[in-house]
Each structure stands twice: as structure tokens, then as C-alpha cells.
Amino acid sequence: MVRPLKCRRVCNMPANSSFGPQNSTAIIEMTVDEYETIRLIDLEGLTQEQCSLRMEVSRTTTQAIYSSARQKLADCLTNNKMLKIQGGDFKICEHSGQCNKKCCGKMKKFKNCNKEINK
């Protein structure tokens, strides 16, 4: 029996959901939680441990998500592919849009996670 995916907390949806060359027919799909790990670790400079606390998942899960996201970014950059950000098991932070960098670290865990697919 497969273990169900744990809901990941995301502070905001990306402002743009696709990036890359417009004439490209090859598309790589990145989930919203993969985007969030890139944002938290690479942009905000958090450690994987801090990122895992914000997203409410284990550090090993964060590491796996981050590794997958980086491989997808590298594939897009080096192979001239379009990147689309959509889907995944996540819940938007209840303070979305007014979230500061510290609020998500103090919030309680989500009791229910609805799989949000943005296709």
C-alpha cells in the first residue's frame, strides 16, 4: 500500500506559471511545492531544515523535492525547454499576500489538505 502524500504549505502561488522560450514545444512541469522549495532555499537563503519547517514536511522530503526541482530547472535551461508550474499536494498559507518571512514558521499545522491542482 502506498503511503499518502503529506500536504505541503506554500506561502504564495507563483506570479507567472510558465517560463522559457515561446517557440519551444518541449515542456517540463514543476509542481507548486517544488517551486516553493526553490524560492525558500535559493531565494530566501533558508536551510533545508528551515524550509521543511515552513512547509511542514520532513527534511528528507524537502531534500527530495528540492533535488527534483533543481533537475527540472537545469533541464529547462540547458535543453531549451518551457517550464510550467502547476499542480501538486499543497495548501496555500492562510496569510497569503500579507505573509512576512516569519509568519509561516509560527503557524500551526494544517488539519486538512485538499489536493489543489492548477491546470
C-alpha atoms as a PDB file:
ATOM      1  CA  MET A   1       0.000   0.000   0.000  1.00  0.00           C
ATOM      2  CA  VAL A   2       1.339   3.399  -0.994  1.00  0.00           C
ATOM      3  CA  ARG A   3       1.659   5.987   1.742  1.00  0.00           C
ATOM      4  CA  PRO A   4      -0.454   9.104   1.058  1.00  0.00           C
ATOM      5  CA  LEU A   5       1.392  12.340   0.316  1.00  0.00           C
ATOM      6  CA  LYS A   6       1.589  14.853   3.116  1.00  0.00           C
ATOM      7  CA  CYS A   7       0.232  18.300   2.383  1.00  0.00           C
ATOM      8  CA  ARG A   8       2.900  20.952   1.848  1.00  0.00           C
ATOM      9  CA  ARG A   9       2.382  24.558   2.918  1.00  0.00           C
ATOM     10  CA  VAL A  10       3.045  27.186   0.257  1.00  0.00           C
ATOM     11  CA  CYS A  11       3.102  30.913   1.046  1.00  0.00           C
ATOM     12  CA  ASN A  12       2.081  32.208  -2.387  1.00  0.00           C
ATOM     13  CA  MET A  13       1.366  30.954  -5.849  1.00  0.00           C
ATOM     14  CA  PRO A  14       3.980  31.988  -8.411  1.00  0.00           C
ATOM     15  CA  ALA A  15       3.213  35.264 -10.183  1.00  0.00           C
ATOM     16  CA  ASN A  16       3.860  33.556 -13.537  1.00  0.00           C
ATOM     17  CA  SER A  17       3.181  29.900 -14.187  1.00  0.00           C
ATOM     18  CA  SER A  18       5.307  29.433 -17.295  1.00  0.00           C
ATOM     19  CA  PHE A  19       8.812  30.441 -18.281  1.00  0.00           C
ATOM     20  CA  GLY A  20      11.103  29.784 -21.189  1.00  0.00           C
ATOM     21  CA  PRO A  21      11.372  30.100 -24.933  1.00  0.00           C
ATOM     22  CA  GLN A  22       7.980  30.682 -26.517  1.00  0.00           C
ATOM     23  CA  ASN A  23       8.757  28.645 -29.593  1.00  0.00           C
ATOM     24  CA  SER A  24       9.647  25.535 -27.568  1.00  0.00           C
ATOM     25  CA  THR A  25       7.368  22.513 -27.881  1.00  0.00           C
ATOM     26  CA  ALA A  26       9.062  20.608 -25.063  1.00  0.00           C
ATOM     27  CA  ILE A  27       7.501  21.347 -21.678  1.00  0.00           C
ATOM     28  CA  ILE A  28       8.746  20.451 -18.211  1.00  0.00           C
ATOM     29  CA  GLU A  29       6.159  20.532 -15.418  1.00  0.00           C
ATOM     30  CA  MET A  30       7.206  21.647 -11.947  1.00  0.00           C
ATOM     31  CA  THR A  31       4.793  21.328  -9.034  1.00  0.00           C
ATOM     32  CA  VAL A  32       3.978  24.301  -6.829  1.00  0.00           C
ATOM     33  CA  ASP A  33       5.729  22.689  -3.856  1.00  0.00           C
ATOM     34  CA  GLU A  34       8.890  22.243  -5.951  1.00  0.00           C
ATOM     35  CA  TYR A  35       8.707  25.933  -6.850  1.00  0.00           C
ATOM     36  CA  GLU A  36       8.299  26.777  -3.140  1.00  0.00           C
ATOM     37  CA  THR A  37      11.460  24.876  -2.159  1.00  0.00           C
ATOM     38  CA  ILE A  38      13.462  26.745  -4.817  1.00  0.00           C
ATOM     39  CA  ARG A  39      12.029  30.037  -3.558  1.00  0.00           C
ATOM     40  CA  LEU A  40      12.709  29.318   0.107  1.00  0.00           C
ATOM     41  CA  ILE A  41      16.162  27.743  -0.227  1.00  0.00           C
ATOM     42  CA  ASP A  42      17.701  29.604  -3.166  1.00  0.00           C
ATOM     43  CA  LEU A  43      15.947  32.982  -2.985  1.00  0.00           C
ATOM     44  CA  GLU A  44      15.368  33.442   0.757  1.00  0.00           C
ATOM     45  CA  GLY A  45      18.529  31.551   1.719  1.00  0.00           C
ATOM     46  CA  LEU A  46      16.907  29.153   4.164  1.00  0.00           C
ATOM     47  CA  THR A  47      18.472  25.818   5.023  1.00  0.00           C
ATOM     48  CA  GLN A  48      16.661  22.626   4.084  1.00  0.00           C
ATOM     49  CA  GLU A  49      15.727  22.224   7.759  1.00  0.00           C
ATOM     50  CA  GLN A  50      14.198  25.715   7.916  1.00  0.00           C
ATOM     51  CA  CYS A  51      12.400  25.096   4.614  1.00  0.00           C
ATOM     52  CA  SER A  52      10.979  21.826   5.900  1.00  0.00           C
ATOM     53  CA  LEU A  53       9.619  23.571   8.997  1.00  0.00           C
ATOM     54  CA  ARG A  54       7.919  26.230   6.861  1.00  0.00           C
ATOM     55  CA  MET A  55       6.419  23.699   4.500  1.00  0.00           C
ATOM     56  CA  GLU A  56       5.556  21.290   7.341  1.00  0.00           C
ATOM     57  CA  VAL A  57       7.282  18.255   5.877  1.00  0.00           C
ATOM     58  CA  SER A  58      10.347  16.273   6.919  1.00  0.00           C
ATOM     59  CA  ARG A  59      13.827  17.409   5.952  1.00  0.00           C
ATOM     60  CA  THR A  60      14.311  14.325   3.776  1.00  0.00           C
ATOM     61  CA  THR A  61      11.094  15.134   1.919  1.00  0.00           C
ATOM     62  CA  THR A  62      12.318  18.692   1.411  1.00  0.00           C
ATOM     63  CA  GLN A  63      15.617  17.360   0.091  1.00  0.00           C
ATOM     64  CA  ALA A  64      13.819  15.110  -2.411  1.00  0.00           C
ATOM     65  CA  ILE A  65      11.503  17.918  -3.577  1.00  0.00           C
ATOM     66  CA  TYR A  66      14.441  20.334  -3.921  1.00  0.00           C
ATOM     67  CA  SER A  67      16.545  17.834  -5.859  1.00  0.00           C
ATOM     68  CA  SER A  68      13.689  17.174  -8.289  1.00  0.00           C
ATOM     69  CA  ALA A  69      13.065  20.907  -8.767  1.00  0.00           C
ATOM     70  CA  ARG A  70      16.738  21.641  -9.467  1.00  0.00           C
ATOM     71  CA  GLN A  71      16.956  18.871 -12.044  1.00  0.00           C
ATOM     72  CA  LYS A  72      13.881  20.257 -13.818  1.00  0.00           C
ATOM     73  CA  LEU A  73      15.357  23.776 -13.835  1.00  0.00           C
ATOM     74  CA  ALA A  74      18.651  22.503 -15.224  1.00  0.00           C
ATOM     75  CA  ASP A  75      16.827  20.550 -17.947  1.00  0.00           C
ATOM     76  CA  CYS A  76      14.891  23.661 -18.985  1.00  0.00           C
ATOM     77  CA  LEU A  77      17.946  25.909 -19.048  1.00  0.00           C
ATOM     78  CA  THR A  78      20.282  23.577 -20.880  1.00  0.00           C
ATOM     79  CA  ASN A  79      17.838  21.920 -23.289  1.00  0.00           C
ATOM     80  CA  ASN A  80      15.750  24.935 -24.368  1.00  0.00           C
ATOM     81  CA  LYS A  81      12.502  23.728 -22.781  1.00  0.00           C
ATOM     82  CA  MET A  82       9.471  25.578 -21.418  1.00  0.00           C
ATOM     83  CA  LEU A  83       8.839  25.364 -17.644  1.00  0.00           C
ATOM     84  CA  LYS A  84       5.232  25.195 -16.391  1.00  0.00           C
ATOM     85  CA  ILE A  85       4.458  25.434 -12.677  1.00  0.00           C
ATOM     86  CA  GLN A  86       1.229  23.717 -11.695  1.00  0.00           C
ATOM     87  CA  GLY A  87      -0.331  21.024  -9.520  1.00  0.00           C
ATOM     88  CA  GLY A  88       0.895  19.112  -6.506  1.00  0.00           C
ATOM     89  CA  ASP A  89      -0.307  18.420  -2.957  1.00  0.00           C
ATOM     90  CA  PHE A  90      -0.250  21.771  -1.237  1.00  0.00           C
ATOM     91  CA  LYS A  91      -2.240  24.235   0.798  1.00  0.00           C
ATOM     92  CA  ILE A  92      -1.857  27.993   0.434  1.00  0.00           C
ATOM     93  CA  CYS A  93      -0.856  29.825   3.625  1.00  0.00           C
ATOM     94  CA  GLU A  94      -3.875  31.483   5.216  1.00  0.00           C
ATOM     95  CA  HIS A  95      -1.886  34.724   5.323  1.00  0.00           C
ATOM     96  CA  SER A  96      -1.109  34.589   1.608  1.00  0.00           C
ATOM     97  CA  GLY A  97      -0.420  38.014   0.150  1.00  0.00           C
ATOM     98  CA  GLN A  98       0.296  39.561   3.547  1.00  0.00           C
ATOM     99  CA  CYS A  99       2.757  36.922   4.660  1.00  0.00           C
ATOM    100  CA  ASN A 100       6.064  38.085   6.048  1.00  0.00           C
ATOM    101  CA  LYS A 101       9.079  35.827   6.261  1.00  0.00           C
ATOM    102  CA  LYS A 102       8.427  34.870   9.893  1.00  0.00           C
ATOM    103  CA  CYS A 103       4.676  34.171   9.985  1.00  0.00           C
ATOM    104  CA  CYS A 104       4.819  30.771   8.311  1.00  0.00           C
ATOM    105  CA  GLY A 105       7.324  29.454  10.814  1.00  0.00           C
ATOM    106  CA  LYS A 106       4.921  30.179  13.670  1.00  0.00           C
ATOM    107  CA  MET A 107       1.682  28.855  12.182  1.00  0.00           C
ATOM    108  CA  LYS A 108       0.007  25.670  13.366  1.00  0.00           C
ATOM    109  CA  LYS A 109      -0.146  22.621  11.139  1.00  0.00           C
ATOM    110  CA  PHE A 110      -2.943  22.279   8.631  1.00  0.00           C
ATOM    111  CA  LYS A 111      -5.582  19.831   9.779  1.00  0.00           C
ATOM    112  CA  ASN A 112      -6.914  19.130   6.312  1.00  0.00           C
ATOM    113  CA  CYS A 113      -5.197  19.260   2.987  1.00  0.00           C
ATOM    114  CA  ASN A 114      -7.137  19.298  -0.212  1.00  0.00           C
ATOM    115  CA  LYS A 115      -5.145  18.368  -3.242  1.00  0.00           C
ATOM    116  CA  GLU A 116      -5.043  21.539  -5.277  1.00  0.00           C
ATOM    117  CA  ILE A 117      -4.419  21.068  -8.960  1.00  0.00           C
ATOM    118  CA  ASN A 118      -3.965  24.208 -11.012  1.00  0.00           C
ATOM    119  CA  LYS A 119      -4.331  23.005 -14.558  1.00  0.00           C
END
